[in-house]
């Protein structure tokens, strides 16, 4: 639902609107590591949780997020001066209200996740998505400009806060005495440190480019990144949320944990690799048909980024498996390594504009994945060979599918972007399914069994 609304809104708004929003989004991404979600994750993996633990967590969340809201209001003018865009200060002041909803999202989410109850969370999230999508469409069509991108997340957060608190019956009296909460705070602190390094990996490019590039070019880059990261940023996180709770349940069974990780890897790659291969093969008709002609500069950037995103997808599967067994330090150090590698790459790449930034992803991520895999896989209990075997059917089939789509695309007569895209997507879907059935039938049967179960 959100994707559909997002694509419609992109067609209405300008690249400059998305560039300005990306400047404020960097700040929100930075403060997200301090908003207490790591503390909530600690609550999920604790064997026993008392009412006092819940009240302490709620008190911590209220203090943290109230402080973050105040700090953001104070520093907003300084950040706007860094970007040389005065409107960013006003945006940050309004966005500070989002922190006030976080305690009412993080606590009930943790309580429901402890019970592996994702059904009630899903219902709330669907409702919140509808509210956000409706707000975005109303704002874009009413001429709100960049404020559309501020209002839509506000509707999403507020709806989630009300819905999740009601669903989990999580409205408790906060406790501001934190004696005995040391273990909770230590685990939450490590999770926050891991999120800090994730911020440096995922947002340093926008922070660097926000000062070096114009809002228009920054909008081109961030929209390209949005398209390339749709799968890893929208599809994988909900799976990781479920996986974290599941890994926590079997954290003392190394064999079951390793088998579950390989199963997750296989399923995710079966969906991710054809998406990325298809994105690279159909970038031109996709952008023209879905976003419109004014976004034509996105095409070459998306193609480059599509080669790096499969590696990023593998990388993000490591953290929940390591965190759930009480080894968040693995993700922290991996994140530090990635932060250094990617930030240095972005500092160099920004000299080449948006293409240089995209190239930085392609150059740095293979090295980062090799290093982090050497550290994470032994902790999870699986080998490189097992991971490659799990991903091999999807990798081979997606590569062959992309080659076929590119070849057919060159033979097509001149037609409109939408019919061309429809032909190529249909061909890709049919050929990928056929290749899997022909050469990886056992994998297809296994997936079918999992879906039925």
Protein backbone atom coordinates (compact mmCIF):
# COMPACT_ATOMS: atom_id res chain seq x y z
CA UNK A 1 0.00 0.00 0.00
CA UNK A 2 2.77 2.41 0.95
CA UNK A 3 4.75 1.57 -2.18
CA UNK A 4 1.78 2.32 -4.43
CA UNK A 5 1.17 5.66 -2.74
CA UNK A 6 4.89 6.43 -2.79
CA UNK A 7 5.17 5.88 -6.54
CA UNK A 8 2.13 8.06 -7.17
CA UNK A 9 3.52 10.80 -4.94
CA UNK A 10 6.94 10.64 -6.65
CA UNK A 11 5.22 11.38 -9.95
CA UNK A 12 3.71 14.54 -8.44
CA UNK A 13 6.56 15.91 -6.32
CA UNK A 14 9.92 17.13 -7.62
CA UNK A 15 13.44 15.74 -7.07
CA UNK A 16 14.20 18.85 -4.98
CA UNK A 17 11.40 17.94 -2.54
CA UNK A 18 12.98 14.53 -2.01
CA UNK A 19 16.41 16.08 -1.66
CA UNK A 20 15.22 18.41 1.13
CA UNK A 21 13.43 15.57 2.89
CA UNK A 22 16.56 13.40 2.69
CA UNK A 23 18.48 16.12 4.57
CA UNK A 24 16.11 15.97 7.54
CA UNK A 25 15.81 12.17 7.29
CA UNK A 26 19.54 11.84 8.02
CA UNK A 27 18.94 13.45 11.41
CA UNK A 28 16.01 11.17 12.16
CA UNK A 29 18.04 8.12 11.20
CA UNK A 30 20.82 9.23 13.57
CA UNK A 31 18.50 9.76 16.53
CA UNK A 32 16.68 6.47 15.88
CA UNK A 33 19.66 4.63 17.35
CA UNK A 34 19.01 6.41 20.68
CA UNK A 35 15.22 6.10 20.81
CA UNK A 36 15.20 2.88 22.86
CA UNK A 37 14.29 0.21 20.33
CA UNK A 38 17.44 -1.64 21.45
CA UNK A 39 16.08 -1.69 25.00
CA UNK A 40 12.82 -3.13 23.67
CA UNK A 41 14.78 -5.85 21.83
CA UNK A 42 16.42 -6.78 25.12
CA UNK A 43 12.97 -7.34 26.57
CA UNK A 44 12.15 -9.76 23.74
CA UNK A 45 15.08 -12.10 24.43
CA UNK A 46 14.83 -12.13 28.25
CA UNK A 47 13.56 -15.54 29.46
CA UNK A 48 11.32 -13.94 32.12
CA UNK A 49 9.83 -10.45 32.24
CA UNK A 50 8.17 -8.88 35.28
CA UNK A 51 5.74 -5.98 35.50
CA UNK A 52 8.59 -3.93 37.01
CA UNK A 53 10.73 -4.60 33.90
CA UNK A 54 7.92 -3.36 31.66
CA UNK A 55 7.36 -0.21 33.72
CA UNK A 56 11.10 0.52 33.81
CA UNK A 57 11.36 0.11 30.07
CA UNK A 58 8.42 2.47 29.54
CA UNK A 59 10.03 5.06 31.83
CA UNK A 60 13.33 4.81 29.96
CA UNK A 61 11.58 5.19 26.62
CA UNK A 62 9.72 8.30 27.77
CA UNK A 63 12.90 9.94 29.08
CA UNK A 64 14.99 9.10 26.01
CA UNK A 65 12.47 10.24 23.45
CA UNK A 66 11.45 13.37 25.31
CA UNK A 67 15.11 14.34 25.45
CA UNK A 68 15.64 13.59 21.76
CA UNK A 69 12.66 15.76 20.80
CA UNK A 70 14.04 18.68 22.81
CA UNK A 71 17.57 18.32 21.41
CA UNK A 72 16.30 18.18 17.82
CA UNK A 73 14.35 21.41 18.26
CA UNK A 74 17.44 23.12 19.67
CA UNK A 75 19.91 21.98 16.99
CA UNK A 76 17.54 22.38 14.02
CA UNK A 77 18.92 25.82 12.99
CA UNK A 78 22.52 24.53 13.08
CA UNK A 79 21.69 21.59 10.82
CA UNK A 80 19.80 23.84 8.42
CA UNK A 81 22.89 26.08 8.26
CA UNK A 82 25.09 23.05 7.44
CA UNK A 83 22.86 22.18 4.49
CA UNK A 84 22.35 25.85 3.57
CA UNK A 85 18.58 25.20 3.39
CA UNK A 86 16.54 27.23 5.99
CA UNK A 87 13.38 25.13 5.47
CA UNK A 88 15.17 22.10 6.96
CA UNK A 89 14.99 23.76 10.41
CA UNK A 90 11.19 24.00 10.24
CA UNK A 91 10.93 20.42 9.04
CA UNK A 92 13.09 19.14 11.91
CA UNK A 93 11.01 21.03 14.50
CA UNK A 94 7.81 19.40 13.25
CA UNK A 95 9.46 15.98 12.93
CA UNK A 96 10.54 16.13 16.59
CA UNK A 97 6.94 15.24 17.46
CA UNK A 98 7.55 11.75 16.08
CA UNK A 99 9.66 10.88 19.15
CA UNK A 100 6.64 11.32 21.40
CA UNK A 101 4.99 8.32 19.71
CA UNK A 102 8.00 5.98 19.98
CA UNK A 103 7.41 4.72 23.57
CA UNK A 104 3.89 3.75 22.57
CA UNK A 105 5.23 1.77 19.58
CA UNK A 106 8.40 0.14 20.93
CA UNK A 107 6.97 -1.25 24.18
CA UNK A 108 3.82 -2.92 22.78
CA UNK A 109 5.80 -4.24 19.78
CA UNK A 110 8.25 -5.91 22.16
CA UNK A 111 5.47 -7.43 24.26
CA UNK A 112 3.70 -8.85 21.20
CA UNK A 113 6.97 -10.10 19.69
CA UNK A 114 7.79 -11.99 22.89
CA UNK A 115 4.63 -14.00 22.25
CA UNK A 116 5.43 -14.38 18.53
CA UNK A 117 2.13 -12.56 18.00
CA UNK A 118 2.66 -10.82 14.69
CA UNK A 119 -0.95 -11.04 13.60
CA UNK A 120 -2.14 -8.15 15.75
CA UNK A 121 0.92 -6.12 14.80
CA UNK A 122 0.19 -6.75 11.13
CA UNK A 123 -3.39 -5.51 11.44
CA UNK A 124 -2.22 -2.30 13.07
CA UNK A 125 0.53 -1.84 10.49
CA UNK A 126 -1.92 -2.27 7.61
CA UNK A 127 -4.19 0.38 9.13
CA UNK A 128 -1.21 2.68 9.67
CA UNK A 129 -0.09 2.15 6.07
CA UNK A 130 -3.52 3.16 4.82
CA UNK A 131 -3.46 6.31 6.93
CA UNK A 132 0.05 7.19 5.76
CA UNK A 133 -0.73 6.49 2.11
CA UNK A 134 -3.94 8.55 2.25
CA UNK A 135 -2.13 11.45 3.89
CA UNK A 136 0.63 11.33 1.27
CA UNK A 137 -1.81 11.33 -1.64
CA UNK A 138 -3.91 14.14 -0.17
CA UNK A 139 -0.82 16.23 0.54
CA UNK A 140 0.78 15.73 -2.86
CA UNK A 141 -2.41 16.47 -4.77
CA UNK A 142 -3.12 19.52 -2.57
CA UNK A 143 0.22 21.17 -3.26
CA UNK A 144 1.88 20.60 0.13
CA UNK A 145 5.21 19.94 -1.59
CA UNK A 146 7.94 18.67 0.73
CA UNK A 147 5.56 18.86 3.71
CA UNK A 148 3.76 15.87 2.21
CA UNK A 149 6.84 13.81 3.08
CA UNK A 150 6.73 15.12 6.64
CA UNK A 151 3.00 14.56 7.20
CA UNK A 152 2.81 10.97 5.87
CA UNK A 153 5.25 9.46 8.43
CA UNK A 154 3.48 11.45 11.14
CA UNK A 155 0.20 9.74 10.29
CA UNK A 156 1.98 6.37 10.21
CA UNK A 157 3.64 6.78 13.63
CA UNK A 158 0.54 8.14 15.36
CA UNK A 159 -1.68 5.34 14.07
CA UNK A 160 0.86 2.68 15.06
CA UNK A 161 1.24 4.18 18.54
CA UNK A 162 -2.49 4.15 19.25
CA UNK A 163 -3.16 0.78 17.58
CA UNK A 164 -0.26 -1.16 19.10
CA UNK A 165 -0.77 0.21 22.61
CA UNK A 166 -4.42 -0.80 22.46
CA UNK A 167 -3.71 -4.23 20.91
CA UNK A 168 -1.06 -5.17 23.50
CA UNK A 169 -2.87 -3.53 26.43
CA UNK A 170 0.48 -1.86 27.07
CA UNK A 171 -0.57 1.41 28.71
CA UNK A 172 1.26 1.06 32.03
CA UNK A 173 2.43 3.48 34.69
CA UNK A 174 6.09 4.35 33.97
CA UNK A 175 8.74 3.67 36.60
CA UNK A 176 11.66 6.11 36.73
CA UNK A 177 13.72 4.15 39.30
CA UNK A 178 16.08 1.97 37.28
CA UNK A 179 17.74 -0.19 39.94
CA UNK A 180 18.07 -3.73 38.60
CA UNK A 181 17.75 -2.70 34.96
CA UNK A 182 21.48 -3.00 34.28
CA UNK A 183 21.24 -6.05 32.00
CA UNK A 184 18.45 -4.46 29.98
CA UNK A 185 20.43 -1.25 29.58
CA UNK A 186 23.71 -3.01 28.67
CA UNK A 187 22.07 -5.02 25.90
CA UNK A 188 20.19 -1.94 24.73
CA UNK A 189 23.42 0.05 24.73
CA UNK A 190 25.16 -2.51 22.51
CA UNK A 191 22.17 -2.50 20.16
CA UNK A 192 22.31 1.30 20.03
CA UNK A 193 26.03 1.16 19.24
CA UNK A 194 25.30 -1.30 16.44
CA UNK A 195 22.63 1.07 15.12
CA UNK A 196 25.13 3.95 15.24
CA UNK A 197 27.42 2.11 12.87
CA UNK A 198 24.44 1.16 10.71
CA UNK A 199 23.58 4.86 10.53
CA UNK A 200 27.09 5.67 9.34
CA UNK A 201 26.78 2.97 6.67
CA UNK A 202 23.33 3.88 5.43
CA UNK A 203 23.18 7.66 5.91
CA UNK A 204 26.71 9.00 5.61
CA UNK A 205 26.27 9.15 1.83
CA UNK A 206 23.26 11.47 2.14
CA UNK A 207 24.95 13.54 4.86
CA UNK A 208 28.04 13.99 2.65
CA UNK A 209 26.05 14.55 -0.54
CA UNK A 210 23.63 16.95 1.17
CA UNK A 211 26.34 19.58 1.32
CA UNK A 212 28.18 18.69 -1.90
CA UNK A 213 25.19 18.31 -4.26
CA UNK A 214 22.13 20.42 -5.07
CA UNK A 215 18.72 19.37 -3.68
CA UNK A 216 17.80 18.24 -7.22
CA UNK A 217 20.77 15.87 -7.57
CA UNK A 218 20.36 14.64 -3.99
CA UNK A 219 16.73 13.86 -4.80
CA UNK A 220 17.83 11.88 -7.86
CA UNK A 221 20.30 9.89 -5.75
CA UNK A 222 17.94 9.18 -2.83
CA UNK A 223 15.10 8.17 -5.14
CA UNK A 224 17.47 5.80 -6.98
CA UNK A 225 18.46 4.38 -3.61
CA UNK A 226 14.79 4.03 -2.64
CA UNK A 227 14.06 1.98 -5.76
CA UNK A 228 17.16 -0.19 -5.39
CA UNK A 229 16.57 -0.79 -1.67
CA UNK A 230 12.83 -1.49 -1.76
CA UNK A 231 13.40 -5.16 -1.08
CA UNK A 232 16.12 -4.90 1.56
CA UNK A 233 14.55 -1.94 3.39
CA UNK A 234 10.84 -2.81 3.14
CA UNK A 235 10.62 -6.59 2.81
CA UNK A 236 13.55 -7.90 4.87
CA UNK A 237 13.08 -5.91 8.13
CA UNK A 238 9.67 -7.48 8.96
CA UNK A 239 11.20 -10.91 8.29
CA UNK A 240 14.15 -10.06 10.54
CA UNK A 241 11.75 -8.96 13.26
CA UNK A 242 10.08 -12.37 13.20
CA UNK A 243 13.45 -14.12 12.84
CA UNK A 244 14.88 -12.35 15.92
CA UNK A 245 12.04 -13.63 18.10
CA UNK A 246 12.33 -17.13 16.61
CA UNK A 247 16.13 -17.27 17.03
CA UNK A 248 15.70 -16.15 20.65
CA UNK A 249 13.40 -19.11 21.28
CA UNK A 250 16.00 -21.60 19.98
CA UNK A 251 19.13 -19.74 21.08
CA UNK A 252 20.39 -22.76 23.07
CA UNK A 253 20.01 -25.21 20.15
CA UNK A 254 22.93 -24.55 17.74
CA UNK A 255 21.78 -27.12 15.18
CA UNK A 256 18.24 -25.74 14.96
CA UNK A 257 19.56 -22.18 14.86
CA UNK A 258 21.93 -22.90 11.97
CA UNK A 259 19.21 -24.74 10.03
CA UNK A 260 16.77 -21.86 10.58
CA UNK A 261 19.32 -19.32 9.34
CA UNK A 262 20.02 -21.27 6.15
CA UNK A 263 16.30 -21.65 5.55
CA UNK A 264 15.82 -17.91 5.94
CA UNK A 265 18.76 -17.26 3.61
CA UNK A 266 17.32 -19.57 0.96
CA UNK A 267 13.84 -18.04 1.09
CA UNK A 268 15.06 -14.45 1.05
CA UNK A 269 17.45 -15.05 -1.85
CA UNK A 270 14.72 -16.76 -3.89
CA UNK A 271 12.78 -13.50 -3.77
CA UNK A 272 15.61 -10.96 -3.61
CA UNK A 273 17.85 -12.06 -6.48
CA UNK A 274 15.19 -12.02 -9.23
CA UNK A 275 14.04 -8.63 -7.93
CA UNK A 276 17.52 -7.09 -8.19
CA UNK A 277 18.34 -8.79 -11.50
CA UNK A 278 14.99 -7.69 -12.94
CA UNK A 279 15.50 -4.16 -11.64
CA UNK A 280 18.84 -3.86 -13.42
CA UNK A 281 17.42 -5.33 -16.63
CA UNK A 282 14.26 -3.19 -16.76
CA UNK A 283 15.41 0.04 -15.08
CA UNK A 284 14.72 2.25 -18.11
CA UNK A 285 11.10 1.27 -18.85
CA UNK A 286 10.39 0.95 -15.12
CA UNK A 287 11.47 4.51 -14.31
CA UNK A 288 9.72 6.04 -17.34
CA UNK A 289 6.49 4.10 -16.72
CA UNK A 290 6.26 4.35 -12.94
CA UNK A 291 7.99 7.61 -12.03
CA UNK A 292 7.68 9.65 -15.21
CA UNK A 293 10.03 11.33 -17.67
CA UNK A 294 11.32 13.93 -15.20
CA UNK A 295 13.08 11.13 -13.29
CA UNK A 296 15.07 9.82 -16.29
CA UNK A 297 18.38 10.62 -14.53
CA UNK A 298 17.58 7.84 -12.05
CA UNK A 299 18.03 5.02 -14.61
CA UNK A 300 21.84 4.59 -14.70
CA UNK A 301 22.11 5.08 -10.93
CA UNK A 302 19.52 2.36 -10.22
CA UNK A 303 21.34 -0.05 -12.51
CA UNK A 304 24.59 0.43 -10.61
CA UNK A 305 22.99 0.13 -7.18
CA UNK A 306 21.16 -3.07 -8.16
CA UNK A 307 24.53 -4.88 -8.25
CA UNK A 308 25.34 -3.96 -4.64
CA UNK A 309 21.96 -4.63 -3.05
CA UNK A 310 22.09 -8.48 -3.06
CA UNK A 311 25.24 -8.23 -0.92
CA UNK A 312 23.53 -5.81 1.44
CA UNK A 313 20.57 -8.21 1.73
CA UNK A 314 22.86 -11.05 2.85
CA UNK A 315 24.62 -8.73 5.29
CA UNK A 316 21.46 -7.62 7.12
CA UNK A 317 20.43 -11.24 7.77
CA UNK A 318 23.40 -11.72 10.12
CA UNK A 319 22.46 -9.30 12.91
CA UNK A 320 19.21 -10.87 14.21
CA UNK A 321 20.81 -14.33 14.37
CA UNK A 322 23.81 -13.02 16.35
CA UNK A 323 21.80 -10.63 18.55
CA UNK A 324 19.23 -13.25 19.54
CA UNK A 325 21.89 -15.59 20.98
CA UNK A 326 23.37 -12.81 23.10
CA UNK A 327 26.23 -11.82 20.78
CA UNK A 328 25.34 -8.26 19.73
CA UNK A 329 29.04 -7.42 19.79
CA UNK A 330 29.43 -9.23 16.46
CA UNK A 331 27.04 -6.83 14.76
CA UNK A 332 28.66 -3.86 16.53
CA UNK A 333 32.15 -4.62 15.22
CA UNK A 334 30.84 -5.57 11.77
CA UNK A 335 28.95 -2.29 11.72
CA UNK A 336 32.09 -0.35 12.65
CA UNK A 337 34.00 -1.98 9.81
CA UNK A 338 31.21 -1.24 7.35
CA UNK A 339 30.91 2.34 8.58
CA UNK A 340 34.59 3.02 7.89
CA UNK A 341 34.64 1.28 4.50
CA UNK A 342 31.47 2.88 3.17
CA UNK A 343 32.05 6.36 4.56
CA UNK A 344 35.52 6.52 3.01
CA UNK A 345 34.07 5.23 -0.27
CA UNK A 346 31.34 7.90 -0.22
CA UNK A 347 33.84 10.67 0.50
CA UNK A 348 35.76 9.62 -2.59
CA UNK A 349 32.72 8.80 -4.71
CA UNK A 350 30.86 12.07 -4.15
CA UNK A 351 33.42 13.77 -6.39
CA UNK A 352 31.79 11.89 -9.26
CA UNK A 353 28.29 13.08 -8.36
CA UNK A 354 25.40 10.64 -8.07
CA UNK A 355 27.12 8.09 -10.31
CA UNK A 356 30.21 8.23 -8.12
CA UNK A 357 28.13 7.60 -5.00
CA UNK A 358 26.46 4.58 -6.61
CA UNK A 359 29.85 3.25 -7.71
CA UNK A 360 31.06 3.53 -4.11
CA UNK A 361 28.40 1.00 -3.06
CA UNK A 362 29.51 -1.46 -5.75
CA UNK A 363 33.20 -1.12 -4.82
CA UNK A 364 32.95 -1.20 -1.01
CA UNK A 365 30.20 -3.72 -0.30
CA UNK A 366 31.88 -6.92 -1.60
CA UNK A 367 34.84 -6.32 0.72
CA UNK A 368 32.54 -5.48 3.63
CA UNK A 369 30.50 -8.65 3.14
CA UNK A 370 33.60 -10.86 3.06
CA UNK A 371 34.92 -9.38 6.31
CA UNK A 372 31.59 -9.49 8.17
CA UNK A 373 30.84 -13.03 6.96
CA UNK A 374 34.14 -14.28 8.36
CA UNK A 375 33.08 -12.94 11.76
CA UNK A 376 29.34 -13.74 11.81
CA UNK A 377 29.03 -17.16 10.18
CA UNK A 378 31.07 -19.08 12.80
CA UNK A 379 28.92 -17.53 15.55
CA UNK A 380 25.72 -18.56 13.77
CA UNK A 381 27.19 -22.00 13.16
CA UNK A 382 27.14 -22.22 9.36
CA UNK A 383 29.86 -22.31 6.72
CA UNK A 384 30.46 -20.22 3.59
CA UNK A 385 29.80 -23.32 1.51
CA UNK A 386 26.39 -23.85 3.12
CA UNK A 387 25.40 -20.23 2.47
CA UNK A 388 26.47 -20.47 -1.18
CA UNK A 389 24.50 -23.72 -1.60
CA UNK A 390 21.41 -22.06 -0.11
CA UNK A 391 21.62 -19.10 -2.51
CA UNK A 392 22.91 -20.94 -5.62
CA UNK A 393 19.55 -21.94 -7.21
CA UNK A 394 18.21 -18.38 -7.01
CA UNK A 395 21.51 -16.86 -8.16
CA UNK A 396 21.81 -19.03 -11.25
CA UNK A 397 18.15 -18.71 -12.22
CA UNK A 398 18.05 -14.93 -11.67
CA UNK A 399 21.21 -14.40 -13.72
CA UNK A 400 19.87 -16.43 -16.63
CA UNK A 401 16.52 -14.66 -16.39
CA UNK A 402 18.16 -11.22 -16.52
CA UNK A 403 20.23 -12.18 -19.58
CA UNK A 404 17.10 -13.39 -21.37
CA UNK A 405 15.16 -10.22 -20.51
CA UNK A 406 17.97 -7.94 -21.74
CA UNK A 407 18.25 -9.93 -24.98
CA UNK A 408 14.52 -9.80 -25.68
CA UNK A 409 14.38 -6.09 -24.78
CA UNK A 410 16.88 -5.33 -27.55
CA UNK A 411 14.70 -7.16 -30.07
CA UNK A 412 11.44 -5.40 -29.16
CA UNK A 413 10.07 -2.85 -31.63
CA UNK A 414 9.61 0.74 -30.40
CA UNK A 415 6.64 0.69 -27.98
CA UNK A 416 5.52 2.70 -24.97
CA UNK A 417 7.28 2.35 -21.61
CA UNK A 418 4.34 0.66 -19.88
CA UNK A 419 3.70 -2.07 -22.51
CA UNK A 420 7.44 -2.66 -22.77
CA UNK A 421 7.70 -3.02 -19.00
CA UNK A 422 4.71 -5.39 -18.89
CA UNK A 423 6.23 -7.65 -21.55
CA UNK A 424 9.62 -7.77 -19.84
CA UNK A 425 8.20 -8.38 -16.35
CA UNK A 426 5.95 -11.18 -17.62
CA UNK A 427 8.88 -12.75 -19.47
CA UNK A 428 11.08 -12.47 -16.40
CA UNK A 429 8.51 -14.03 -14.07
CA UNK A 430 7.78 -16.94 -16.40
CA UNK A 431 11.43 -17.63 -17.24
CA UNK A 432 12.55 -17.46 -13.58
CA UNK A 433 9.82 -19.87 -12.47
CA UNK A 434 10.61 -22.18 -15.38
CA UNK A 435 14.33 -22.20 -14.63
CA UNK A 436 13.70 -23.02 -10.97
CA UNK A 437 11.35 -25.86 -11.89
CA UNK A 438 13.82 -27.21 -14.44
CA UNK A 439 17.03 -27.03 -12.40
CA UNK A 440 16.04 -26.59 -8.75
CA UNK A 441 12.85 -28.59 -8.37
CA UNK A 442 13.77 -29.76 -4.86
CA UNK A 443 14.12 -26.14 -3.73
CA UNK A 444 10.70 -25.29 -5.16
CA UNK A 445 9.13 -28.26 -3.37
CA UNK A 446 10.73 -27.22 -0.09
CA UNK A 447 9.45 -23.67 -0.41
CA UNK A 448 5.98 -24.94 -1.29
CA UNK A 449 5.99 -27.08 1.87
CA UNK A 450 7.00 -24.10 3.99
CA UNK A 451 4.27 -21.92 2.47
CA UNK A 452 1.62 -24.58 3.05
CA UNK A 453 2.73 -24.95 6.66
